[in-house]
Amino acid sequence: MIYEFIIDDAALEQLRALPKEVRRNIGYRLEMLQDSFQGDVKKLEGEERRYRLRVGNHRVLFRLDGKIIHVYAVKQRKEAYG
């Protein structure tokens, strides 16, 4: 199943602020997620349809709406939850 991506402006800015190698790794993991929903994905507790994708020390936070992955934040682990 192929998923469609929507990336919020805030998440895009957070992504652009990261080093090139980290961006590349996140991009690779997002492609895997888009193609087959593979990766270190975990449903967030108490949050309906909200998930996180772990990429090293970074977390990609997203909502899943049917076949749409809506990315709303890209943060370091210590900043992602709270």
PDB file of N, CA and C in Angstrom:
ATOM      1  N   MET A   1       0.852  -1.180   0.000  1.00  0.00           N
ATOM      2  CA  MET A   1       0.000   0.000   0.000  1.00  0.00           C
ATOM      3  C   MET A   1       0.897   1.243   0.000  1.00  0.00           C
ATOM      4  N   ILE A   2       0.632   2.151  -0.885  1.00  0.00           N
ATOM      5  CA  ILE A   2       1.387   3.398  -0.970  1.00  0.00           C
ATOM      6  C   ILE A   2       0.618   4.483  -0.220  1.00  0.00           C
ATOM      7  N   TYR A   3       1.334   5.182   0.643  1.00  0.00           N
ATOM      8  CA  TYR A   3       0.745   6.276   1.416  1.00  0.00           C
ATOM      9  C   TYR A   3       1.149   7.609   0.803  1.00  0.00           C
ATOM     10  N   GLU A   4       0.304   8.592   0.968  1.00  0.00           N
ATOM     11  CA  GLU A   4       0.585   9.958   0.523  1.00  0.00           C
ATOM     12  C   GLU A   4       1.096  10.744   1.725  1.00  0.00           C
ATOM     13  N   PHE A   5       2.015  11.684   1.471  1.00  0.00           N
ATOM     14  CA  PHE A   5       2.558  12.519   2.537  1.00  0.00           C
ATOM     15  C   PHE A   5       2.018  13.935   2.474  1.00  0.00           C
ATOM     16  N   ILE A   6       1.731  14.469   3.639  1.00  0.00           N
ATOM     17  CA  ILE A   6       1.502  15.897   3.814  1.00  0.00           C
ATOM     18  C   ILE A   6       2.459  16.314   4.918  1.00  0.00           C
ATOM     19  N   ILE A   7       3.287  17.307   4.656  1.00  0.00           N
ATOM     20  CA  ILE A   7       4.248  17.774   5.654  1.00  0.00           C
ATOM     21  C   ILE A   7       3.932  19.223   5.987  1.00  0.00           C
ATOM     22  N   ASP A   8       3.611  19.473   7.262  1.00  0.00           N
ATOM     23  CA  ASP A   8       3.324  20.838   7.720  1.00  0.00           C
ATOM     24  C   ASP A   8       4.525  21.742   7.485  1.00  0.00           C
ATOM     25  N   ASP A   9       4.265  23.032   7.333  1.00  0.00           N
ATOM     26  CA  ASP A   9       5.344  24.006   7.160  1.00  0.00           C
ATOM     27  C   ASP A   9       6.312  23.981   8.338  1.00  0.00           C
ATOM     28  N   ALA A  10       5.787  23.850   9.549  1.00  0.00           N
ATOM     29  CA  ALA A  10       6.645  23.824  10.743  1.00  0.00           C
ATOM     30  C   ALA A  10       7.572  22.612  10.700  1.00  0.00           C
ATOM     31  N   ALA A  11       7.057  21.455  10.316  1.00  0.00           N
ATOM     32  CA  ALA A  11       7.873  20.243  10.225  1.00  0.00           C
ATOM     33  C   ALA A  11       8.919  20.379   9.125  1.00  0.00           C
ATOM     34  N   LEU A  12       8.557  21.028   8.039  1.00  0.00           N
ATOM     35  CA  LEU A  12       9.496  21.245   6.941  1.00  0.00           C
ATOM     36  C   LEU A  12      10.647  22.142   7.384  1.00  0.00           C
ATOM     37  N   GLU A  13      10.342  23.176   8.137  1.00  0.00           N
ATOM     38  CA  GLU A  13      11.387  24.062   8.667  1.00  0.00           C
ATOM     39  C   GLU A  13      12.286  23.311   9.642  1.00  0.00           C
ATOM     40  N   GLN A  14      11.698  22.479  10.493  1.00  0.00           N
ATOM     41  CA  GLN A  14      12.489  21.686  11.439  1.00  0.00           C
ATOM     42  C   GLN A  14      13.411  20.735  10.684  1.00  0.00           C
ATOM     43  N   LEU A  15      12.919  20.154   9.624  1.00  0.00           N
ATOM     44  CA  LEU A  15      13.710  19.242   8.808  1.00  0.00           C
ATOM     45  C   LEU A  15      14.859  19.974   8.122  1.00  0.00           C
ATOM     46  N   ARG A  16      14.588  21.137   7.584  1.00  0.00           N
ATOM     47  CA  ARG A  16      15.625  21.923   6.898  1.00  0.00           C
ATOM     48  C   ARG A  16      16.738  22.376   7.836  1.00  0.00           C
ATOM     49  N   ALA A  17      16.432  22.507   9.111  1.00  0.00           N
ATOM     50  CA  ALA A  17      17.424  22.962  10.092  1.00  0.00           C
ATOM     51  C   ALA A  17      18.397  21.851  10.496  1.00  0.00           C
ATOM     52  N   LEU A  18      18.120  20.623  10.107  1.00  0.00           N
ATOM     53  CA  LEU A  18      18.963  19.491  10.492  1.00  0.00           C
ATOM     54  C   LEU A  18      20.148  19.343   9.541  1.00  0.00           C
ATOM     55  N   PRO A  19      21.227  18.707  10.013  1.00  0.00           N
ATOM     56  CA  PRO A  19      22.370  18.433   9.135  1.00  0.00           C
ATOM     57  C   PRO A  19      21.961  17.553   7.952  1.00  0.00           C
ATOM     58  N   LYS A  20      22.679  17.706   6.859  1.00  0.00           N
ATOM     59  CA  LYS A  20      22.350  17.014   5.614  1.00  0.00           C
ATOM     60  C   LYS A  20      22.238  15.499   5.795  1.00  0.00           C
ATOM     61  N   GLU A  21      23.166  14.893   6.516  1.00  0.00           N
ATOM     62  CA  GLU A  21      23.147  13.437   6.701  1.00  0.00           C
ATOM     63  C   GLU A  21      21.906  12.988   7.473  1.00  0.00           C
ATOM     64  N   VAL A  22      21.504  13.751   8.464  1.00  0.00           N
ATOM     65  CA  VAL A  22      20.296  13.423   9.238  1.00  0.00           C
ATOM     66  C   VAL A  22      19.064  13.554   8.343  1.00  0.00           C
ATOM     67  N   ARG A  23      19.008  14.622   7.549  1.00  0.00           N
ATOM     68  CA  ARG A  23      17.884  14.808   6.611  1.00  0.00           C
ATOM     69  C   ARG A  23      17.794  13.640   5.639  1.00  0.00           C
ATOM     70  N   ARG A  24      18.935  13.216   5.136  1.00  0.00           N
ATOM     71  CA  ARG A  24      18.968  12.109   4.175  1.00  0.00           C
ATOM     72  C   ARG A  24      18.440  10.822   4.826  1.00  0.00           C
ATOM     73  N   ASN A  25      18.868  10.563   6.044  1.00  0.00           N
ATOM     74  CA  ASN A  25      18.427   9.369   6.761  1.00  0.00           C
ATOM     75  C   ASN A  25      16.920   9.417   7.026  1.00  0.00           C
ATOM     76  N   ILE A  26      16.425  10.570   7.446  1.00  0.00           N
ATOM     77  CA  ILE A  26      14.983  10.725   7.677  1.00  0.00           C
ATOM     78  C   ILE A  26      14.215  10.531   6.372  1.00  0.00           C
ATOM     79  N   GLY A  27      14.724  11.096   5.283  1.00  0.00           N
ATOM     80  CA  GLY A  27      14.080  10.928   3.982  1.00  0.00           C
ATOM     81  C   GLY A  27      13.991   9.469   3.569  1.00  0.00           C
ATOM     82  N   TYR A  28      15.078   8.735   3.790  1.00  0.00           N
ATOM     83  CA  TYR A  28      15.094   7.303   3.470  1.00  0.00           C
ATOM     84  C   TYR A  28      14.045   6.550   4.291  1.00  0.00           C
ATOM     85  N   ARG A  29      13.982   6.855   5.580  1.00  0.00           N
ATOM     86  CA  ARG A  29      13.017   6.180   6.460  1.00  0.00           C
ATOM     87  C   ARG A  29      11.581   6.547   6.099  1.00  0.00           C
ATOM     88  N   LEU A  30      11.363   7.794   5.687  1.00  0.00           N
ATOM     89  CA  LEU A  30      10.019   8.201   5.266  1.00  0.00           C
ATOM     90  C   LEU A  30       9.599   7.473   3.992  1.00  0.00           C
ATOM     91  N   GLU A  31      10.554   7.237   3.084  1.00  0.00           N
ATOM     92  CA  GLU A  31      10.242   6.473   1.873  1.00  0.00           C
ATOM     93  C   GLU A  31       9.816   5.048   2.226  1.00  0.00           C
ATOM     94  N   MET A  32      10.529   4.426   3.181  1.00  0.00           N
ATOM     95  CA  MET A  32      10.153   3.076   3.625  1.00  0.00           C
ATOM     96  C   MET A  32       8.758   3.087   4.235  1.00  0.00           C
ATOM     97  N   LEU A  33       8.486   4.122   5.016  1.00  0.00           N
ATOM     98  CA  LEU A  33       7.175   4.257   5.648  1.00  0.00           C
ATOM     99  C   LEU A  33       6.092   4.428   4.588  1.00  0.00           C
ATOM    100  N   GLN A  34       6.380   5.241   3.585  1.00  0.00           N
ATOM    101  CA  GLN A  34       5.411   5.514   2.532  1.00  0.00           C
ATOM    102  C   GLN A  34       5.093   4.255   1.722  1.00  0.00           C
ATOM    103  N   ASP A  35       6.094   3.465   1.427  1.00  0.00           N
ATOM    104  CA  ASP A  35       5.898   2.284   0.583  1.00  0.00           C
ATOM    105  C   ASP A  35       5.210   1.130   1.303  1.00  0.00           C
ATOM    106  N   SER A  36       5.599   0.879   2.557  1.00  0.00           N
ATOM    107  CA  SER A  36       5.084  -0.330   3.203  1.00  0.00           C
ATOM    108  C   SER A  36       4.858  -0.177   4.704  1.00  0.00           C
ATOM    109  N   PHE A  37       4.824   1.043   5.179  1.00  0.00           N
ATOM    110  CA  PHE A  37       4.620   1.342   6.597  1.00  0.00           C
ATOM    111  C   PHE A  37       5.601   0.547   7.460  1.00  0.00           C
ATOM    112  N   GLN A  38       6.871   0.497   7.009  1.00  0.00           N
ATOM    113  CA  GLN A  38       7.933  -0.172   7.750  1.00  0.00           C
ATOM    114  C   GLN A  38       8.767   0.853   8.485  1.00  0.00           C
ATOM    115  N   GLY A  39       9.375   0.417   9.571  1.00  0.00           N
ATOM    116  CA  GLY A  39      10.261   1.274  10.342  1.00  0.00           C
ATOM    117  C   GLY A  39       9.937   1.161  11.815  1.00  0.00           C
ATOM    118  N   ASP A  40      10.672   1.892  12.611  1.00  0.00           N
ATOM    119  CA  ASP A  40      10.467   1.880  14.061  1.00  0.00           C
ATOM    120  C   ASP A  40       9.332   2.848  14.384  1.00  0.00           C
ATOM    121  N   VAL A  41       8.108   2.379  14.168  1.00  0.00           N
ATOM    122  CA  VAL A  41       6.908   3.195  14.350  1.00  0.00           C
ATOM    123  C   VAL A  41       6.200   2.745  15.618  1.00  0.00           C
ATOM    124  N   LYS A  42       5.734   3.712  16.381  1.00  0.00           N
ATOM    125  CA  LYS A  42       5.007   3.412  17.610  1.00  0.00           C
ATOM    126  C   LYS A  42       3.820   4.362  17.727  1.00  0.00           C
ATOM    127  N   LYS A  43       2.668   3.808  18.100  1.00  0.00           N
ATOM    128  CA  LYS A  43       1.491   4.645  18.339  1.00  0.00           C
ATOM    129  C   LYS A  43       1.711   5.412  19.632  1.00  0.00           C
ATOM    130  N   LEU A  44       1.398   6.694  19.630  1.00  0.00           N
ATOM    131  CA  LEU A  44       1.569   7.517  20.822  1.00  0.00           C
ATOM    132  C   LEU A  44       0.424   7.267  21.791  1.00  0.00           C
ATOM    133  N   GLU A  45       0.755   7.120  23.045  1.00  0.00           N
ATOM    134  CA  GLU A  45      -0.252   6.846  24.072  1.00  0.00           C
ATOM    135  C   GLU A  45      -1.210   8.020  24.225  1.00  0.00           C
ATOM    136  N   GLY A  46      -2.485   7.699  24.325  1.00  0.00           N
ATOM    137  CA  GLY A  46      -3.497   8.715  24.565  1.00  0.00           C
ATOM    138  C   GLY A  46      -3.784   9.617  23.379  1.00  0.00           C
ATOM    139  N   GLU A  47      -3.162   9.354  22.263  1.00  0.00           N
ATOM    140  CA  GLU A  47      -3.350  10.194  21.077  1.00  0.00           C
ATOM    141  C   GLU A  47      -3.974   9.348  19.969  1.00  0.00           C
ATOM    142  N   GLU A  48      -5.142   9.731  19.538  1.00  0.00           N
ATOM    143  CA  GLU A  48      -5.820   8.989  18.488  1.00  0.00           C
ATOM    144  C   GLU A  48      -5.144   9.236  17.142  1.00  0.00           C
ATOM    145  N   ARG A  49      -4.778   8.164  16.470  1.00  0.00           N
ATOM    146  CA  ARG A  49      -4.171   8.196  15.129  1.00  0.00           C
ATOM    147  C   ARG A  49      -2.838   8.935  15.075  1.00  0.00           C
ATOM    148  N   ARG A  50      -2.155   9.109  16.200  1.00  0.00           N
ATOM    149  CA  ARG A  50      -0.855   9.790  16.201  1.00  0.00           C
ATOM    150  C   ARG A  50       0.251   8.782  16.485  1.00  0.00           C
ATOM    151  N   TYR A  51       1.330   8.927  15.708  1.00  0.00           N
ATOM    152  CA  TYR A  51       2.437   7.988  15.762  1.00  0.00           C
ATOM    153  C   TYR A  51       3.756   8.743  15.756  1.00  0.00           C
ATOM    154  N   ARG A  52       4.820   7.981  16.051  1.00  0.00           N
ATOM    155  CA  ARG A  52       6.154   8.527  15.897  1.00  0.00           C
ATOM    156  C   ARG A  52       6.994   7.521  15.136  1.00  0.00           C
ATOM    157  N   LEU A  53       7.896   8.045  14.332  1.00  0.00           N
ATOM    158  CA  LEU A  53       8.889   7.247  13.624  1.00  0.00           C
ATOM    159  C   LEU A  53      10.231   7.602  14.231  1.00  0.00           C
ATOM    160  N   ARG A  54      10.943   6.607  14.764  1.00  0.00           N
ATOM    161  CA  ARG A  54      12.254   6.855  15.357  1.00  0.00           C
ATOM    162  C   ARG A  54      13.311   6.743  14.273  1.00  0.00           C
ATOM    163  N   VAL A  55      14.130   7.800  14.180  1.00  0.00           N
ATOM    164  CA  VAL A  55      15.257   7.819  13.251  1.00  0.00           C
ATOM    165  C   VAL A  55      16.461   8.300  14.056  1.00  0.00           C
ATOM    166  N   GLY A  56      17.207   7.369  14.624  1.00  0.00           N
ATOM    167  CA  GLY A  56      18.330   7.730  15.489  1.00  0.00           C
ATOM    168  C   GLY A  56      17.829   8.496  16.701  1.00  0.00           C
ATOM    169  N   ASN A  57      18.398   9.688  16.931  1.00  0.00           N
ATOM    170  CA  ASN A  57      17.990  10.529  18.060  1.00  0.00           C
ATOM    171  C   ASN A  57      16.816  11.439  17.718  1.00  0.00           C
ATOM    172  N   HIS A  58      16.285  11.300  16.529  1.00  0.00           N
ATOM    173  CA  HIS A  58      15.190  12.167  16.094  1.00  0.00           C
ATOM    174  C   HIS A  58      13.881  11.390  16.015  1.00  0.00           C
ATOM    175  N   ARG A  59      12.788  12.137  16.161  1.00  0.00           N
ATOM    176  CA  ARG A  59      11.453  11.561  16.063  1.00  0.00           C
ATOM    177  C   ARG A  59      10.659  12.340  15.025  1.00  0.00           C
ATOM    178  N   VAL A  60      10.038  11.614  14.120  1.00  0.00           N
ATOM    179  CA  VAL A  60       9.128  12.202  13.146  1.00  0.00           C
ATOM    180  C   VAL A  60       7.731  11.911  13.680  1.00  0.00           C
ATOM    181  N   LEU A  61       7.003  12.955  14.031  1.00  0.00           N
ATOM    182  CA  LEU A  61       5.665  12.805  14.603  1.00  0.00           C
ATOM    183  C   LEU A  61       4.638  13.004  13.497  1.00  0.00           C
ATOM    184  N   PHE A  62       3.669  12.083  13.429  1.00  0.00           N
ATOM    185  CA  PHE A  62       2.692  12.168  12.342  1.00  0.00           C
ATOM    186  C   PHE A  62       1.348  11.599  12.763  1.00  0.00           C
ATOM    187  N   ARG A  63       0.328  12.015  12.014  1.00  0.00           N
ATOM    188  CA  ARG A  63      -1.025  11.472  12.121  1.00  0.00           C
ATOM    189  C   ARG A  63      -1.258  10.577  10.912  1.00  0.00           C
ATOM    190  N   LEU A  64      -2.024   9.540  11.107  1.00  0.00           N
ATOM    191  CA  LEU A  64      -2.378   8.652  10.009  1.00  0.00           C
ATOM    192  C   LEU A  64      -3.867   8.799   9.748  1.00  0.00           C
ATOM    193  N   ASP A  65      -4.202   9.325   8.586  1.00  0.00           N
ATOM    194  CA  ASP A  65      -5.593   9.524   8.178  1.00  0.00           C
ATOM    195  C   ASP A  65      -5.840   8.683   6.929  1.00  0.00           C
ATOM    196  N   GLY A  66      -6.264   7.444   7.128  1.00  0.00           N
ATOM    197  CA  GLY A  66      -6.465   6.548   5.989  1.00  0.00           C
ATOM    198  C   GLY A  66      -5.141   6.249   5.315  1.00  0.00           C
ATOM    199  N   LYS A  67      -4.987   6.674   4.061  1.00  0.00           N
ATOM    200  CA  LYS A  67      -3.754   6.461   3.308  1.00  0.00           C
ATOM    201  C   LYS A  67      -2.875   7.709   3.295  1.00  0.00           C
ATOM    202  N   ILE A  68      -3.142   8.641   4.203  1.00  0.00           N
ATOM    203  CA  ILE A  68      -2.376   9.891   4.258  1.00  0.00           C
ATOM    204  C   ILE A  68      -1.569   9.941   5.550  1.00  0.00           C
ATOM    205  N   ILE A  69      -0.260  10.137   5.401  1.00  0.00           N
ATOM    206  CA  ILE A  69       0.640  10.342   6.531  1.00  0.00           C
ATOM    207  C   ILE A  69       0.861  11.842   6.637  1.00  0.00           C
ATOM    208  N   HIS A  70       0.373  12.427   7.720  1.00  0.00           N
ATOM    209  CA  HIS A  70       0.442  13.875   7.925  1.00  0.00           C
ATOM    210  C   HIS A  70       1.532  14.161   8.959  1.00  0.00           C
ATOM    211  N   VAL A  71       2.719  14.581   8.488  1.00  0.00           N
ATOM    212  CA  VAL A  71       3.858  14.863   9.365  1.00  0.00           C
ATOM    213  C   VAL A  71       3.679  16.260   9.944  1.00  0.00           C
ATOM    214  N   TYR A  72       3.685  16.355  11.286  1.00  0.00           N
ATOM    215  CA  TYR A  72       3.500  17.657  11.919  1.00  0.00           C
ATOM    216  C   TYR A  72       4.704  18.114  12.730  1.00  0.00           C
ATOM    217  N   ALA A  73       5.707  17.259  12.945  1.00  0.00           N
ATOM    218  CA  ALA A  73       6.901  17.681  13.683  1.00  0.00           C
ATOM    219  C   ALA A  73       8.061  16.734  13.419  1.00  0.00           C
ATOM    220  N   VAL A  74       9.278  17.297  13.415  1.00  0.00           N
ATOM    221  CA  VAL A  74      10.524  16.536  13.348  1.00  0.00           C
ATOM    222  C   VAL A  74      11.409  17.119  14.434  1.00  0.00           C
ATOM    223  N   LYS A  75      11.646  16.325  15.492  1.00  0.00           N
ATOM    224  CA  LYS A  75      12.352  16.855  16.660  1.00  0.00           C
ATOM    225  C   LYS A  75      13.336  15.838  17.209  1.00  0.00           C
ATOM    226  N   GLN A  76      14.284  16.345  18.007  1.00  0.00           N
ATOM    227  CA  GLN A  76      15.153  15.441  18.743  1.00  0.00           C
ATOM    228  C   GLN A  76      14.321  14.744  19.805  1.00  0.00           C
ATOM    229  N   ARG A  77      14.747  13.567  20.197  1.00  0.00           N
ATOM    230  CA  ARG A  77      13.986  12.766  21.153  1.00  0.00           C
ATOM    231  C   ARG A  77      13.640  13.547  22.412  1.00  0.00           C
ATOM    232  N   LYS A  78      14.602  14.250  22.970  1.00  0.00           N
ATOM    233  CA  LYS A  78      14.380  14.953  24.242  1.00  0.00           C
ATOM    234  C   LYS A  78      13.345  16.069  24.125  1.00  0.00           C
ATOM    235  N   GLU A  79      13.102  16.554  22.903  1.00  0.00           N
ATOM    236  CA  GLU A  79      12.141  17.642  22.692  1.00  0.00           C
ATOM    237  C   GLU A  79      10.794  17.147  22.159  1.00  0.00           C
ATOM    238  N   ALA A  80      10.743  15.896  21.738  1.00  0.00           N
ATOM    239  CA  ALA A  80       9.566  15.399  21.020  1.00  0.00           C
ATOM    240  C   ALA A  80       8.360  15.130  21.903  1.00  0.00           C
ATOM    241  N   TYR A  81       8.597  14.776  23.147  1.00  0.00           N
ATOM    242  CA  TYR A  81       7.492  14.391  24.015  1.00  0.00           C
ATOM    243  C   TYR A  81       7.390  15.375  25.157  1.00  0.00           C
ATOM    244  N   GLY A  82       6.259  16.020  25.252  1.00  0.00           N
ATOM    245  CA  GLY A  82       6.123  16.917  26.397  1.00  0.00           C
ATOM    246  C   GLY A  82       5.260  18.058  26.213  1.00  0.00           C
TER     247      GLY A  82
END
